[in-house]
């Protein structure tokens, strides 16, 4: 069975939610899923470990 895995990196959670709460945007993914998608939002803890330079 084919599977899909996606990772999005957003710096502005409000902008992210504008996409993911848009029914028209989400409708484009309907053919990919046979059941409800499992989603999670992870927020890094406060601290100095993220300095804005990404290794990619």
N, C-alpha and C. Protein backbone atom coordinates (compact mmCIF):
# COMPACT_ATOMS: atom_id res chain seq x y z
N UNK A 1 0.84 -1.18 0.00
CA UNK A 1 0.00 0.00 0.00
C UNK A 1 0.89 1.24 0.00
N UNK A 2 0.70 2.16 -0.94
CA UNK A 2 1.50 3.39 -0.97
C UNK A 2 1.26 4.23 0.28
N UNK A 3 2.31 4.88 0.71
CA UNK A 3 2.20 5.76 1.86
C UNK A 3 2.81 7.11 1.51
N UNK A 4 2.41 8.11 2.25
CA UNK A 4 2.92 9.45 2.04
C UNK A 4 3.34 10.02 3.38
N UNK A 5 4.46 10.73 3.37
CA UNK A 5 4.97 11.37 4.58
C UNK A 5 5.42 12.76 4.19
N UNK A 6 4.98 13.76 4.91
CA UNK A 6 5.37 15.13 4.60
C UNK A 6 5.79 15.87 5.84
N UNK A 7 6.79 16.72 5.67
CA UNK A 7 7.24 17.58 6.77
C UNK A 7 7.26 19.00 6.23
N UNK A 8 6.52 19.86 6.88
CA UNK A 8 6.54 21.28 6.54
C UNK A 8 7.20 22.03 7.68
N UNK A 9 7.99 23.03 7.35
CA UNK A 9 8.62 23.88 8.36
C UNK A 9 8.04 25.27 8.19
N UNK A 10 7.37 25.74 9.21
CA UNK A 10 6.75 27.06 9.19
C UNK A 10 7.33 27.88 10.32
N UNK A 11 7.60 29.13 10.04
CA UNK A 11 8.08 30.06 11.07
C UNK A 11 6.93 30.91 11.62
N UNK A 12 5.80 30.90 10.93
CA UNK A 12 4.64 31.69 11.36
C UNK A 12 3.44 30.76 11.46
N UNK A 13 3.11 30.30 12.66
CA UNK A 13 2.00 29.36 12.83
C UNK A 13 0.67 29.87 12.26
N UNK A 14 0.43 31.16 12.33
CA UNK A 14 -0.83 31.69 11.80
C UNK A 14 -0.91 31.47 10.28
N UNK A 15 0.20 31.67 9.58
CA UNK A 15 0.22 31.43 8.13
C UNK A 15 -0.02 29.95 7.84
N UNK A 16 0.57 29.07 8.63
CA UNK A 16 0.38 27.64 8.46
C UNK A 16 -1.10 27.28 8.58
N UNK A 17 -1.74 27.80 9.61
CA UNK A 17 -3.14 27.46 9.84
C UNK A 17 -4.05 28.00 8.74
N UNK A 18 -3.65 29.11 8.10
CA UNK A 18 -4.44 29.62 6.98
C UNK A 18 -4.52 28.59 5.86
N UNK A 19 -3.43 27.87 5.62
CA UNK A 19 -3.43 26.80 4.62
C UNK A 19 -4.21 25.59 5.10
N UNK A 20 -3.90 25.12 6.28
CA UNK A 20 -4.42 23.84 6.73
C UNK A 20 -5.86 23.90 7.22
N UNK A 21 -6.43 25.07 7.34
CA UNK A 21 -7.85 25.19 7.66
C UNK A 21 -8.67 25.54 6.42
N UNK A 22 -8.02 25.64 5.27
CA UNK A 22 -8.69 25.97 4.01
C UNK A 22 -9.23 24.68 3.37
N UNK A 23 -10.56 24.53 3.33
CA UNK A 23 -11.18 23.32 2.80
C UNK A 23 -10.81 23.08 1.34
N UNK A 24 -10.68 24.14 0.54
CA UNK A 24 -10.31 23.97 -0.87
C UNK A 24 -8.90 23.43 -1.01
N UNK A 25 -7.98 23.91 -0.20
CA UNK A 25 -6.61 23.41 -0.22
C UNK A 25 -6.58 21.93 0.18
N UNK A 26 -7.27 21.59 1.26
CA UNK A 26 -7.27 20.22 1.76
C UNK A 26 -7.94 19.25 0.80
N UNK A 27 -8.92 19.71 0.04
CA UNK A 27 -9.62 18.84 -0.90
C UNK A 27 -8.67 18.24 -1.94
N UNK A 28 -7.60 18.94 -2.24
CA UNK A 28 -6.62 18.42 -3.19
C UNK A 28 -5.90 17.18 -2.71
N UNK A 29 -5.92 16.94 -1.41
CA UNK A 29 -5.26 15.77 -0.85
C UNK A 29 -6.19 14.57 -0.70
N UNK A 30 -7.48 14.76 -0.92
CA UNK A 30 -8.45 13.68 -0.72
C UNK A 30 -8.09 12.39 -1.44
N UNK A 31 -7.61 12.44 -2.70
CA UNK A 31 -7.29 11.18 -3.38
C UNK A 31 -6.12 10.41 -2.75
N UNK A 32 -5.33 11.07 -1.93
CA UNK A 32 -4.17 10.41 -1.32
C UNK A 32 -4.53 9.56 -0.10
N UNK A 33 -5.69 9.80 0.50
CA UNK A 33 -6.00 9.17 1.78
C UNK A 33 -7.27 8.35 1.70
N UNK A 34 -7.26 7.23 2.40
CA UNK A 34 -8.47 6.41 2.53
C UNK A 34 -9.10 6.62 3.89
N UNK A 35 -8.41 7.30 4.78
CA UNK A 35 -8.91 7.57 6.12
C UNK A 35 -8.45 8.98 6.50
N UNK A 36 -8.84 9.43 7.67
CA UNK A 36 -8.40 10.74 8.14
C UNK A 36 -6.88 10.78 8.27
N UNK A 37 -6.29 11.86 7.85
CA UNK A 37 -4.85 12.03 8.00
C UNK A 37 -4.50 12.27 9.47
N UNK A 38 -3.32 11.83 9.84
CA UNK A 38 -2.82 12.06 11.20
C UNK A 38 -1.86 13.23 11.12
N UNK A 39 -2.12 14.26 11.90
CA UNK A 39 -1.28 15.44 11.87
C UNK A 39 -0.80 15.79 13.27
N UNK A 40 0.28 16.53 13.31
CA UNK A 40 0.82 17.00 14.59
C UNK A 40 1.54 18.32 14.35
N UNK A 41 1.52 19.16 15.35
CA UNK A 41 2.27 20.41 15.32
C UNK A 41 3.28 20.35 16.44
N UNK A 42 4.54 20.43 16.08
CA UNK A 42 5.62 20.39 17.07
C UNK A 42 6.22 21.77 17.19
N UNK A 43 6.42 22.22 18.39
CA UNK A 43 7.00 23.54 18.64
C UNK A 43 8.27 23.33 19.45
N UNK A 44 9.37 23.91 18.97
CA UNK A 44 10.62 23.73 19.69
C UNK A 44 10.56 24.47 21.03
N UNK A 45 11.26 23.95 22.02
CA UNK A 45 11.28 24.62 23.32
C UNK A 45 12.07 25.93 23.24
N UNK A 46 11.79 26.81 24.16
CA UNK A 46 12.52 28.07 24.22
C UNK A 46 14.00 27.80 24.49
N UNK A 47 14.84 28.62 23.93
CA UNK A 47 16.27 28.46 24.14
C UNK A 47 17.05 28.99 22.95
N UNK A 48 18.34 28.86 23.00
CA UNK A 48 19.22 29.41 21.98
C UNK A 48 19.69 28.38 20.96
N UNK A 49 19.09 27.18 20.96
CA UNK A 49 19.60 26.15 20.08
C UNK A 49 19.29 26.38 18.61
N UNK A 50 18.33 27.23 18.25
CA UNK A 50 18.00 27.52 16.87
C UNK A 50 18.46 28.94 16.57
N UNK A 51 19.47 29.07 15.72
CA UNK A 51 20.03 30.39 15.48
C UNK A 51 19.67 30.96 14.11
N UNK A 52 18.77 30.28 13.39
CA UNK A 52 18.36 30.79 12.08
C UNK A 52 19.19 30.27 10.93
N UNK A 53 20.24 29.51 11.21
CA UNK A 53 21.05 28.91 10.16
C UNK A 53 20.67 27.45 10.04
N UNK A 54 20.23 27.06 8.87
CA UNK A 54 19.77 25.69 8.67
C UNK A 54 20.84 24.90 7.91
N UNK A 55 21.00 23.63 8.23
CA UNK A 55 22.06 22.82 7.60
C UNK A 55 21.69 22.34 6.20
N UNK A 56 20.60 22.80 5.62
CA UNK A 56 20.22 22.33 4.28
C UNK A 56 20.15 23.47 3.32
